[in-house]
Amino acid sequence: MDELVLRRRRWWALTVMCGSLLVISLDNTILNVAIPVLIRQLHASTSELQWIVDGYTLVFAGLLLTAGSLGDRFGRRGALSTGLAIFCAGSAGSAFAGSASMLIFTRAFMGIGAALIMPATLSLLTNVFHDPREPARAIGV
């Protein structure tokens, strides 16, 4: 392929990876803004609110190393795609959750997707950019 086409593909891949990381890191910020609405509409207790907030982070952190290992073994691109699909399904489920228990479950499910996304993006970054100067620039972005 033409060098210009390859360069564009690398930077498009970086855009996808940055978008993926933005989504998983922005999730808790959005949730913290929505807490008053959750209290009113789902009648969530204090302990349920704690699980809604922490269920995602707990599953995400608990599965991060395992998900990274699975991505290395079975393919990083597939791990990223699967993670995004799981995260989006969990996010859609969270949007339509009718109870605090359902929201806790769907947010924990989103944590599984996030655990697949995070290590895949960083390892794909080193595989996509080969020129010695590009990985440093891509990590900076």
Protein backbone atom coordinates (compact mmCIF):
# COMPACT_ATOMS: atom_id res chain seq x y z
CA MET A 1 0.00 0.00 0.00
CA ASP A 2 0.94 3.58 -0.42
CA GLU A 3 2.77 5.10 2.58
CA LEU A 4 0.24 7.94 2.81
CA VAL A 5 -2.66 5.49 3.05
CA LEU A 6 -0.88 3.52 5.78
CA ARG A 7 -0.16 6.68 7.72
CA ARG A 8 -3.84 7.73 7.53
CA ARG A 9 -4.96 4.30 8.70
CA ARG A 10 -2.64 4.49 11.71
CA TRP A 11 -4.01 7.85 12.76
CA TRP A 12 -7.61 6.69 12.23
CA ALA A 13 -6.80 3.72 14.47
CA LEU A 14 -5.47 6.13 17.07
CA THR A 15 -8.71 8.11 16.85
CA VAL A 16 -10.72 4.95 17.53
CA MET A 17 -8.48 4.03 20.47
CA CYS A 18 -8.72 7.53 21.95
CA GLY A 19 -12.50 7.48 21.57
CA SER A 20 -12.65 4.10 23.30
CA LEU A 21 -10.62 5.34 26.25
CA LEU A 22 -12.66 8.53 26.44
CA VAL A 23 -15.89 6.55 26.69
CA ILE A 24 -14.72 4.32 29.53
CA SER A 25 -13.18 7.16 31.51
CA LEU A 26 -16.10 9.56 31.00
CA ASP A 27 -18.64 7.03 32.23
CA ASN A 28 -18.24 7.67 35.98
CA THR A 29 -18.30 11.44 35.48
CA ILE A 30 -21.65 11.21 33.75
CA LEU A 31 -22.98 8.93 36.46
CA ASN A 32 -21.99 11.34 39.23
CA VAL A 33 -23.99 14.08 37.53
CA ALA A 34 -27.02 11.76 37.29
CA ILE A 35 -27.09 10.68 40.97
CA PRO A 36 -29.89 13.09 42.00
CA VAL A 37 -32.04 11.80 39.13
CA LEU A 38 -31.32 8.19 40.12
CA ILE A 39 -32.47 8.90 43.66
CA ARG A 40 -35.74 10.39 42.43
CA GLN A 41 -36.59 8.00 39.60
CA LEU A 42 -35.23 4.68 40.88
CA HIS A 43 -35.72 5.40 44.59
CA ALA A 44 -32.18 4.15 45.16
CA SER A 45 -30.97 3.82 48.72
CA THR A 46 -27.54 4.97 49.83
CA SER A 47 -26.08 1.48 49.61
CA GLU A 48 -27.60 0.97 46.16
CA LEU A 49 -26.08 4.25 45.00
CA GLN A 50 -22.72 3.08 46.32
CA TRP A 51 -23.02 -0.16 44.32
CA ILE A 52 -24.17 1.70 41.22
CA VAL A 53 -21.06 3.88 41.34
CA ASP A 54 -18.55 1.25 42.48
CA GLY A 55 -19.88 -1.86 40.69
CA TYR A 56 -18.41 -0.70 37.39
CA THR A 57 -15.02 0.19 38.87
CA LEU A 58 -14.81 -3.00 40.92
CA VAL A 59 -15.45 -5.29 37.95
CA PHE A 60 -13.23 -3.19 35.69
CA ALA A 61 -10.26 -3.29 38.08
CA GLY A 62 -10.78 -6.94 38.97
CA LEU A 63 -10.76 -8.12 35.34
CA LEU A 64 -8.15 -5.77 33.88
CA LEU A 65 -5.17 -8.14 34.04
CA THR A 66 -7.19 -11.15 32.91
CA ALA A 67 -8.70 -9.24 30.01
CA GLY A 68 -5.25 -8.04 28.94
CA SER A 69 -4.00 -11.60 28.96
CA LEU A 70 -7.00 -12.77 26.92
CA GLY A 71 -6.39 -9.97 24.42
CA ASP A 72 -2.76 -11.00 24.05
CA ARG A 73 -3.71 -14.62 23.57
CA PHE A 74 -6.74 -14.32 21.26
CA GLY A 75 -6.17 -10.99 19.52
CA ARG A 76 -6.13 -7.39 20.62
CA ARG A 77 -8.36 -6.09 17.87
CA GLY A 78 -10.99 -8.68 18.71
CA ALA A 79 -10.70 -7.82 22.41
CA LEU A 80 -11.22 -4.14 21.62
CA SER A 81 -14.21 -4.87 19.38
CA THR A 82 -15.74 -7.28 21.89
CA GLY A 83 -15.13 -4.83 24.72
CA LEU A 84 -16.82 -2.01 22.83
CA ALA A 85 -19.80 -4.23 22.01
CA ILE A 86 -20.16 -5.33 25.66
CA PHE A 87 -19.73 -1.76 26.89
CA CYS A 88 -22.34 -0.42 24.45
CA ALA A 89 -24.81 -3.19 25.33
CA GLY A 90 -24.33 -2.48 29.03
CA SER A 91 -24.70 1.24 28.44
CA ALA A 92 -27.95 0.72 26.53
CA GLY A 93 -29.18 -1.55 29.31
CA SER A 94 -28.25 1.08 31.88
CA ALA A 95 -30.18 3.74 29.99
CA PHE A 96 -33.35 1.64 30.20
CA ALA A 97 -32.85 0.19 33.69
CA GLY A 98 -36.09 0.32 35.64
CA SER A 99 -34.63 -0.45 39.06
CA ALA A 100 -31.48 0.15 41.03
CA SER A 101 -30.68 -3.58 40.97
CA MET A 102 -30.86 -3.66 37.19
CA LEU A 103 -28.63 -0.58 36.97
CA ILE A 104 -26.06 -2.20 39.28
CA PHE A 105 -26.02 -5.29 37.05
CA THR A 106 -25.73 -3.38 33.77
CA ARG A 107 -22.96 -1.15 35.13
CA ALA A 108 -21.02 -4.20 36.28
CA PHE A 109 -21.51 -5.62 32.78
CA MET A 110 -20.08 -2.39 31.38
CA GLY A 111 -17.03 -2.97 33.60
CA ILE A 112 -16.37 -6.23 31.72
CA GLY A 113 -16.31 -4.34 28.45
CA ALA A 114 -14.09 -1.61 29.87
CA ALA A 115 -11.63 -4.23 31.13
CA LEU A 116 -11.32 -5.58 27.59
CA ILE A 117 -10.95 -2.11 26.04
CA MET A 118 -8.23 -0.59 28.23
CA PRO A 119 -5.33 -3.03 27.72
CA ALA A 120 -6.22 -3.60 24.06
CA THR A 121 -5.86 0.09 23.23
CA LEU A 122 -2.43 0.41 24.76
CA SER A 123 -1.05 -2.77 23.21
CA LEU A 124 -2.54 -1.97 19.79
CA LEU A 125 -0.85 1.40 19.96
CA THR A 126 2.62 -0.19 20.05
CA ASN A 127 1.71 -2.54 17.18
CA VAL A 128 0.21 0.11 14.90
CA PHE A 129 3.00 2.69 15.12
CA HIS A 130 6.38 1.37 13.98
CA ASP A 131 8.41 4.48 13.27
CA PRO A 132 10.49 5.24 16.43
CA ARG A 133 9.03 8.77 16.72
CA GLU A 134 5.38 7.89 16.18
CA PRO A 135 4.64 5.79 19.30
CA ALA A 136 5.76 8.62 21.59
CA ARG A 137 3.55 11.08 19.72
CA ALA A 138 0.60 8.68 19.74
CA ILE A 139 0.93 8.04 23.48
CA GLY A 140 1.06 11.79 24.01
CA VAL A 141 -2.20 12.17 22.13
